[in-house]
Amino acid sequence: MKKYIYISVISLLAIVVLYNSVYFEKLDAKKVKEGLKDFNPKDSAEYFWNSQLEKVLLSAIDLKLFDSQLADNPEFLIRQYGKAVGITSTFCFLVKGTAKPAKPGSEEIPVDITNGYADYSLQAKYIFGNTARDATGYFNIDDFENTMDFNAVATELNKLILEKEVAKLDSLSTGKKIAFVGALEINSENIPRQISIIPLSIEVLR
């Protein structure tokens, strides 16, 4: 009889523990959802910029290599380096290269590349779209409650690019060469010959 009572008590305790674990899991899930409601795209973009960007930019490929593979084997280029959100023919890349700035206020700066397959230009005034966000590969749409928040991060990241990097171009002397790491996108179904690059990092070369 005591044996049966002991087994019953153990079983009851197991049920209580299991119930409480499920209960706590529900509380944790609730806290996560409440946290998403307080999501701040500006804070998210600034955190990335201040603590993750430098590491992410290390994965950028040389623009000359990008251009060569774009001409010879775009499928391999996309498979090896391209980043995309969802099912799409648009792929984003991080590239690095050099450019000579034009006069202050120019909207685009020609990029140095000899006999390239495509013509490249560095965006020096207007930054918009999701290219910079997607090229970093850092932001995952599944981590966001909705696409509005996901797009809001892209907007805030573009603002930081204008404030932190593009603004550097206004004080450069004509003829000064710059090194950059930037983001670009291509459509795999219609390989472009004119490609714009959004600068994520700009450095003046002596």
C-alpha atoms as a PDB file:
ATOM      1  CA  MET A   1       0.000   0.000   0.000  1.00  0.00           C
ATOM      2  CA  LYS A   2       2.810   2.382   0.937  1.00  0.00           C
ATOM      3  CA  LYS A   3       4.437   1.584  -2.380  1.00  0.00           C
ATOM      4  CA  TYR A   4       1.335   2.722  -4.284  1.00  0.00           C
ATOM      5  CA  ILE A   5       1.050   5.906  -2.207  1.00  0.00           C
ATOM      6  CA  TYR A   6       4.726   6.670  -2.909  1.00  0.00           C
ATOM      7  CA  ILE A   7       4.244   6.194  -6.640  1.00  0.00           C
ATOM      8  CA  SER A   8       1.131   8.402  -6.598  1.00  0.00           C
ATOM      9  CA  VAL A   9       2.973  11.193  -4.779  1.00  0.00           C
ATOM     10  CA  ILE A  10       5.901  11.034  -7.229  1.00  0.00           C
ATOM     11  CA  SER A  11       3.516  11.108 -10.182  1.00  0.00           C
ATOM     12  CA  LEU A  12       1.673  14.095  -8.752  1.00  0.00           C
ATOM     13  CA  LEU A  13       4.951  15.991  -8.218  1.00  0.00           C
ATOM     14  CA  ALA A  14       6.009  15.236 -11.784  1.00  0.00           C
ATOM     15  CA  ILE A  15       2.724  16.625 -13.109  1.00  0.00           C
ATOM     16  CA  VAL A  16       3.137  19.798 -11.025  1.00  0.00           C
ATOM     17  CA  VAL A  17       6.715  20.325 -12.255  1.00  0.00           C
ATOM     18  CA  LEU A  18       5.687  19.752 -15.871  1.00  0.00           C
ATOM     19  CA  TYR A  19       2.776  22.167 -15.558  1.00  0.00           C
ATOM     20  CA  ASN A  20       4.963  24.867 -14.036  1.00  0.00           C
ATOM     21  CA  SER A  21       7.614  24.485 -16.753  1.00  0.00           C
ATOM     22  CA  VAL A  22       4.972  24.924 -19.452  1.00  0.00           C
ATOM     23  CA  TYR A  23       3.569  27.894 -17.575  1.00  0.00           C
ATOM     24  CA  PHE A  24       6.948  29.579 -17.364  1.00  0.00           C
ATOM     25  CA  GLU A  25       7.560  28.962 -21.052  1.00  0.00           C
ATOM     26  CA  LYS A  26       4.301  30.741 -21.811  1.00  0.00           C
ATOM     27  CA  LEU A  27       5.357  33.660 -19.627  1.00  0.00           C
ATOM     28  CA  ASP A  28       8.708  33.895 -21.438  1.00  0.00           C
ATOM     29  CA  ALA A  29       6.977  33.852 -24.824  1.00  0.00           C
ATOM     30  CA  LYS A  30       4.665  36.593 -23.628  1.00  0.00           C
ATOM     31  CA  LYS A  31       7.610  38.735 -22.553  1.00  0.00           C
ATOM     32  CA  VAL A  32       9.220  38.297 -25.971  1.00  0.00           C
ATOM     33  CA  LYS A  33       6.037  39.404 -27.705  1.00  0.00           C
ATOM     34  CA  GLU A  34       5.743  42.411 -25.416  1.00  0.00           C
ATOM     35  CA  GLY A  35       9.345  43.277 -26.227  1.00  0.00           C
ATOM     36  CA  LEU A  36       8.572  43.239 -29.948  1.00  0.00           C
ATOM     37  CA  LYS A  37       5.836  45.788 -29.377  1.00  0.00           C
ATOM     38  CA  ASP A  38       8.475  48.143 -27.988  1.00  0.00           C
ATOM     39  CA  PHE A  39      10.820  47.576 -30.950  1.00  0.00           C
ATOM     40  CA  ASN A  40      12.821  50.653 -31.914  1.00  0.00           C
ATOM     41  CA  PRO A  41      14.293  50.531 -35.458  1.00  0.00           C
ATOM     42  CA  LYS A  42      16.680  53.387 -34.735  1.00  0.00           C
ATOM     43  CA  ASP A  43      18.175  51.585 -31.731  1.00  0.00           C
ATOM     44  CA  SER A  44      18.495  48.380 -33.750  1.00  0.00           C
ATOM     45  CA  ALA A  45      20.301  50.135 -36.611  1.00  0.00           C
ATOM     46  CA  GLU A  46      22.602  52.023 -34.239  1.00  0.00           C
ATOM     47  CA  TYR A  47      23.495  48.854 -32.347  1.00  0.00           C
ATOM     48  CA  PHE A  48      24.461  47.199 -35.611  1.00  0.00           C
ATOM     49  CA  TRP A  49      26.443  50.234 -36.750  1.00  0.00           C
ATOM     50  CA  ASN A  50      28.367  50.627 -33.495  1.00  0.00           C
ATOM     51  CA  SER A  51      29.076  47.006 -32.608  1.00  0.00           C
ATOM     52  CA  GLN A  52      28.657  44.775 -35.673  1.00  0.00           C
ATOM     53  CA  LEU A  53      29.391  46.749 -38.840  1.00  0.00           C
ATOM     54  CA  GLU A  54      33.185  46.589 -38.675  1.00  0.00           C
ATOM     55  CA  LYS A  55      33.136  42.799 -38.447  1.00  0.00           C
ATOM     56  CA  VAL A  56      30.531  42.455 -41.214  1.00  0.00           C
ATOM     57  CA  LEU A  57      32.556  44.578 -43.644  1.00  0.00           C
ATOM     58  CA  LEU A  58      35.445  42.126 -43.459  1.00  0.00           C
ATOM     59  CA  SER A  59      33.462  39.791 -45.712  1.00  0.00           C
ATOM     60  CA  ALA A  60      33.411  42.278 -48.624  1.00  0.00           C
ATOM     61  CA  ILE A  61      34.948  41.028 -51.867  1.00  0.00           C
ATOM     62  CA  ASP A  62      37.223  43.074 -54.090  1.00  0.00           C
ATOM     63  CA  LEU A  63      35.224  44.897 -56.752  1.00  0.00           C
ATOM     64  CA  LYS A  64      37.619  43.753 -59.497  1.00  0.00           C
ATOM     65  CA  LEU A  65      36.943  40.130 -58.565  1.00  0.00           C
ATOM     66  CA  PHE A  66      33.216  40.833 -58.402  1.00  0.00           C
ATOM     67  CA  ASP A  67      33.268  42.427 -61.852  1.00  0.00           C
ATOM     68  CA  SER A  68      35.292  39.599 -63.366  1.00  0.00           C
ATOM     69  CA  GLN A  69      32.946  36.937 -62.033  1.00  0.00           C
ATOM     70  CA  LEU A  70      29.901  38.983 -62.992  1.00  0.00           C
ATOM     71  CA  ALA A  71      31.116  38.795 -66.576  1.00  0.00           C
ATOM     72  CA  ASP A  72      32.339  35.201 -66.625  1.00  0.00           C
ATOM     73  CA  ASN A  73      30.209  33.283 -64.139  1.00  0.00           C
ATOM     74  CA  PRO A  74      27.382  35.266 -62.505  1.00  0.00           C
ATOM     75  CA  GLU A  75      25.707  32.083 -61.236  1.00  0.00           C
ATOM     76  CA  PHE A  76      28.782  31.185 -59.190  1.00  0.00           C
ATOM     77  CA  LEU A  77      29.131  34.779 -57.982  1.00  0.00           C
ATOM     78  CA  ILE A  78      25.560  34.807 -56.722  1.00  0.00           C
ATOM     79  CA  ARG A  79      25.823  31.388 -55.132  1.00  0.00           C
ATOM     80  CA  GLN A  80      29.108  32.224 -53.425  1.00  0.00           C
ATOM     81  CA  TYR A  81      28.551  35.803 -52.276  1.00  0.00           C
ATOM     82  CA  GLY A  82      24.982  36.925 -52.951  1.00  0.00           C
ATOM     83  CA  LYS A  83      22.449  37.610 -50.215  1.00  0.00           C
ATOM     84  CA  ALA A  84      18.702  37.746 -50.737  1.00  0.00           C
ATOM     85  CA  VAL A  85      15.537  38.110 -48.709  1.00  0.00           C
ATOM     86  CA  GLY A  86      12.970  35.479 -49.614  1.00  0.00           C
ATOM     87  CA  ILE A  87      12.480  34.055 -53.089  1.00  0.00           C
ATOM     88  CA  THR A  88      13.717  36.713 -55.494  1.00  0.00           C
ATOM     89  CA  SER A  89      15.974  37.385 -58.452  1.00  0.00           C
ATOM     90  CA  THR A  90      17.566  40.367 -56.680  1.00  0.00           C
ATOM     91  CA  PHE A  91      20.814  39.664 -54.841  1.00  0.00           C
ATOM     92  CA  CYS A  92      22.943  41.987 -52.720  1.00  0.00           C
ATOM     93  CA  PHE A  93      26.703  42.035 -52.214  1.00  0.00           C
ATOM     94  CA  LEU A  94      29.370  43.719 -50.133  1.00  0.00           C
ATOM     95  CA  VAL A  95      32.279  44.971 -52.244  1.00  0.00           C
ATOM     96  CA  LYS A  96      35.406  47.037 -51.671  1.00  0.00           C
ATOM     97  CA  GLY A  97      37.346  49.273 -54.022  1.00  0.00           C
ATOM     98  CA  THR A  98      38.597  52.794 -54.661  1.00  0.00           C
ATOM     99  CA  ALA A  99      37.174  55.938 -56.238  1.00  0.00           C
ATOM    100  CA  LYS A 100      38.194  59.500 -57.008  1.00  0.00           C
ATOM    101  CA  PRO A 101      35.694  61.988 -55.631  1.00  0.00           C
ATOM    102  CA  ALA A 102      34.292  64.635 -57.924  1.00  0.00           C
ATOM    103  CA  LYS A 103      33.534  68.130 -56.736  1.00  0.00           C
ATOM    104  CA  PRO A 104      31.617  68.426 -53.451  1.00  0.00           C
ATOM    105  CA  GLY A 105      27.890  67.985 -53.919  1.00  0.00           C
ATOM    106  CA  SER A 106      28.145  65.405 -56.681  1.00  0.00           C
ATOM    107  CA  GLU A 107      25.407  62.807 -56.570  1.00  0.00           C
ATOM    108  CA  GLU A 108      27.637  60.020 -57.886  1.00  0.00           C
ATOM    109  CA  ILE A 109      31.380  59.335 -57.917  1.00  0.00           C
ATOM    110  CA  PRO A 110      32.967  57.141 -60.606  1.00  0.00           C
ATOM    111  CA  VAL A 111      34.648  54.039 -59.237  1.00  0.00           C
ATOM    112  CA  ASP A 112      38.171  53.073 -60.309  1.00  0.00           C
ATOM    113  CA  ILE A 113      38.055  49.907 -62.368  1.00  0.00           C
ATOM    114  CA  THR A 114      39.912  49.378 -65.636  1.00  0.00           C
ATOM    115  CA  ASN A 115      38.050  47.833 -68.568  1.00  0.00           C
ATOM    116  CA  GLY A 116      35.277  46.619 -66.317  1.00  0.00           C
ATOM    117  CA  TYR A 117      32.333  44.544 -67.466  1.00  0.00           C
ATOM    118  CA  ALA A 118      30.045  47.096 -65.799  1.00  0.00           C
ATOM    119  CA  ASP A 119      30.316  50.773 -64.898  1.00  0.00           C
ATOM    120  CA  TYR A 120      30.193  51.452 -61.167  1.00  0.00           C
ATOM    121  CA  SER A 121      29.445  54.625 -59.254  1.00  0.00           C
ATOM    122  CA  LEU A 122      29.465  55.446 -55.556  1.00  0.00           C
ATOM    123  CA  GLN A 123      26.282  57.085 -54.272  1.00  0.00           C
ATOM    124  CA  ALA A 124      27.250  60.395 -52.720  1.00  0.00           C
ATOM    125  CA  LYS A 125      23.961  62.103 -51.968  1.00  0.00           C
ATOM    126  CA  TYR A 126      20.794  60.001 -51.953  1.00  0.00           C
ATOM    127  CA  ILE A 127      20.620  56.708 -50.071  1.00  0.00           C
ATOM    128  CA  PHE A 128      17.402  54.730 -50.132  1.00  0.00           C
ATOM    129  CA  GLY A 129      16.021  51.202 -50.460  1.00  0.00           C
ATOM    130  CA  ASN A 130      16.992  47.969 -48.708  1.00  0.00           C
ATOM    131  CA  THR A 131      20.304  47.240 -50.430  1.00  0.00           C
ATOM    132  CA  ALA A 132      22.558  48.217 -47.521  1.00  0.00           C
ATOM    133  CA  ARG A 133      20.474  46.264 -45.006  1.00  0.00           C
ATOM    134  CA  ASP A 134      20.324  43.115 -47.107  1.00  0.00           C
ATOM    135  CA  ALA A 135      23.956  43.169 -48.243  1.00  0.00           C
ATOM    136  CA  THR A 136      25.201  43.023 -44.651  1.00  0.00           C
ATOM    137  CA  GLY A 137      23.433  39.710 -44.095  1.00  0.00           C
ATOM    138  CA  TYR A 138      22.971  40.720 -40.460  1.00  0.00           C
ATOM    139  CA  PHE A 139      19.242  41.417 -40.356  1.00  0.00           C
ATOM    140  CA  ASN A 140      16.916  38.427 -40.707  1.00  0.00           C
ATOM    141  CA  ILE A 141      13.278  39.060 -41.585  1.00  0.00           C
ATOM    142  CA  ASP A 142      12.255  36.152 -39.344  1.00  0.00           C
ATOM    143  CA  ASP A 143      13.532  38.102 -36.334  1.00  0.00           C
ATOM    144  CA  PHE A 144      10.971  40.859 -36.898  1.00  0.00           C
ATOM    145  CA  GLU A 145       7.320  40.926 -35.968  1.00  0.00           C
ATOM    146  CA  ASN A 146       6.332  42.445 -39.309  1.00  0.00           C
ATOM    147  CA  THR A 147       7.769  43.753 -42.577  1.00  0.00           C
ATOM    148  CA  MET A 148       7.127  47.343 -41.516  1.00  0.00           C
ATOM    149  CA  ASP A 149       9.701  47.017 -38.720  1.00  0.00           C
ATOM    150  CA  PHE A 150      12.085  45.229 -41.080  1.00  0.00           C
ATOM    151  CA  ASN A 151      11.854  48.080 -43.586  1.00  0.00           C
ATOM    152  CA  ALA A 152      12.118  50.695 -40.863  1.00  0.00           C
ATOM    153  CA  VAL A 153      15.546  49.314 -39.925  1.00  0.00           C
ATOM    154  CA  ALA A 154      16.667  49.788 -43.543  1.00  0.00           C
ATOM    155  CA  THR A 155      15.516  53.410 -43.421  1.00  0.00           C
ATOM    156  CA  GLU A 156      17.410  54.072 -40.193  1.00  0.00           C
ATOM    157  CA  LEU A 157      20.520  52.372 -41.547  1.00  0.00           C
ATOM    158  CA  ASN A 158      20.383  54.578 -44.648  1.00  0.00           C
ATOM    159  CA  LYS A 159      20.219  57.643 -42.409  1.00  0.00           C
ATOM    160  CA  LEU A 160      23.349  56.515 -40.576  1.00  0.00           C
ATOM    161  CA  ILE A 161      25.156  56.024 -43.880  1.00  0.00           C
ATOM    162  CA  LEU A 162      24.353  59.593 -44.868  1.00  0.00           C
ATOM    163  CA  GLU A 163      25.352  60.995 -41.474  1.00  0.00           C
ATOM    164  CA  LYS A 164      28.446  58.918 -40.807  1.00  0.00           C
ATOM    165  CA  GLU A 165      29.976  58.206 -44.216  1.00  0.00           C
ATOM    166  CA  VAL A 166      28.521  60.212 -47.095  1.00  0.00           C
ATOM    167  CA  ALA A 167      29.008  63.413 -45.088  1.00  0.00           C
ATOM    168  CA  LYS A 168      32.781  62.810 -45.246  1.00  0.00           C
ATOM    169  CA  LEU A 169      32.721  63.489 -48.982  1.00  0.00           C
ATOM    170  CA  ASP A 170      31.745  67.122 -48.533  1.00  0.00           C
ATOM    171  CA  SER A 171      35.099  68.019 -46.994  1.00  0.00           C
ATOM    172  CA  LEU A 172      37.345  66.136 -49.420  1.00  0.00           C
ATOM    173  CA  SER A 173      39.672  67.972 -51.750  1.00  0.00           C
ATOM    174  CA  THR A 174      39.172  67.420 -55.469  1.00  0.00           C
ATOM    175  CA  GLY A 175      41.353  64.582 -56.741  1.00  0.00           C
ATOM    176  CA  LYS A 176      41.725  62.837 -53.382  1.00  0.00           C
ATOM    177  CA  LYS A 177      41.334  59.087 -53.772  1.00  0.00           C
ATOM    178  CA  ILE A 178      39.142  57.211 -51.352  1.00  0.00           C
ATOM    179  CA  ALA A 179      38.802  53.557 -50.374  1.00  0.00           C
ATOM    180  CA  PHE A 180      35.334  52.279 -49.715  1.00  0.00           C
ATOM    181  CA  VAL A 181      33.346  49.253 -48.687  1.00  0.00           C
ATOM    182  CA  GLY A 182      29.834  49.331 -50.028  1.00  0.00           C
ATOM    183  CA  ALA A 183      26.661  47.503 -50.894  1.00  0.00           C
ATOM    184  CA  LEU A 184      25.227  46.848 -54.325  1.00  0.00           C
ATOM    185  CA  GLU A 185      22.479  44.753 -55.858  1.00  0.00           C
ATOM    186  CA  ILE A 186      21.956  42.974 -59.155  1.00  0.00           C
ATOM    187  CA  ASN A 187      19.075  41.206 -60.820  1.00  0.00           C
ATOM    188  CA  SER A 188      20.088  37.695 -61.852  1.00  0.00           C
ATOM    189  CA  GLU A 189      17.576  37.703 -64.697  1.00  0.00           C
ATOM    190  CA  ASN A 190      18.868  40.941 -66.172  1.00  0.00           C
ATOM    191  CA  ILE A 191      22.540  41.496 -65.343  1.00  0.00           C
ATOM    192  CA  PRO A 192      23.072  45.288 -65.271  1.00  0.00           C
ATOM    193  CA  ARG A 193      25.903  47.210 -66.897  1.00  0.00           C
ATOM    194  CA  GLN A 194      25.394  50.300 -64.716  1.00  0.00           C
ATOM    195  CA  ILE A 195      25.687  49.540 -60.993  1.00  0.00           C
ATOM    196  CA  SER A 196      25.343  51.895 -58.035  1.00  0.00           C
ATOM    197  CA  ILE A 197      27.220  51.266 -54.795  1.00  0.00           C
ATOM    198  CA  ILE A 198      26.063  52.494 -51.394  1.00  0.00           C
ATOM    199  CA  PRO A 199      29.086  53.317 -49.192  1.00  0.00           C
ATOM    200  CA  LEU A 200      29.122  51.709 -45.759  1.00  0.00           C
ATOM    201  CA  SER A 201      32.688  52.802 -45.066  1.00  0.00           C
ATOM    202  CA  ILE A 202      34.780  55.585 -46.598  1.00  0.00           C
ATOM    203  CA  GLU A 203      38.478  56.207 -45.971  1.00  0.00           C
ATOM    204  CA  VAL A 204      40.574  58.996 -47.460  1.00  0.00           C
ATOM    205  CA  LEU A 205      43.803  57.709 -48.995  1.00  0.00           C
ATOM    206  CA  ARG A 206      46.979  59.773 -48.855  1.00  0.00           C
END
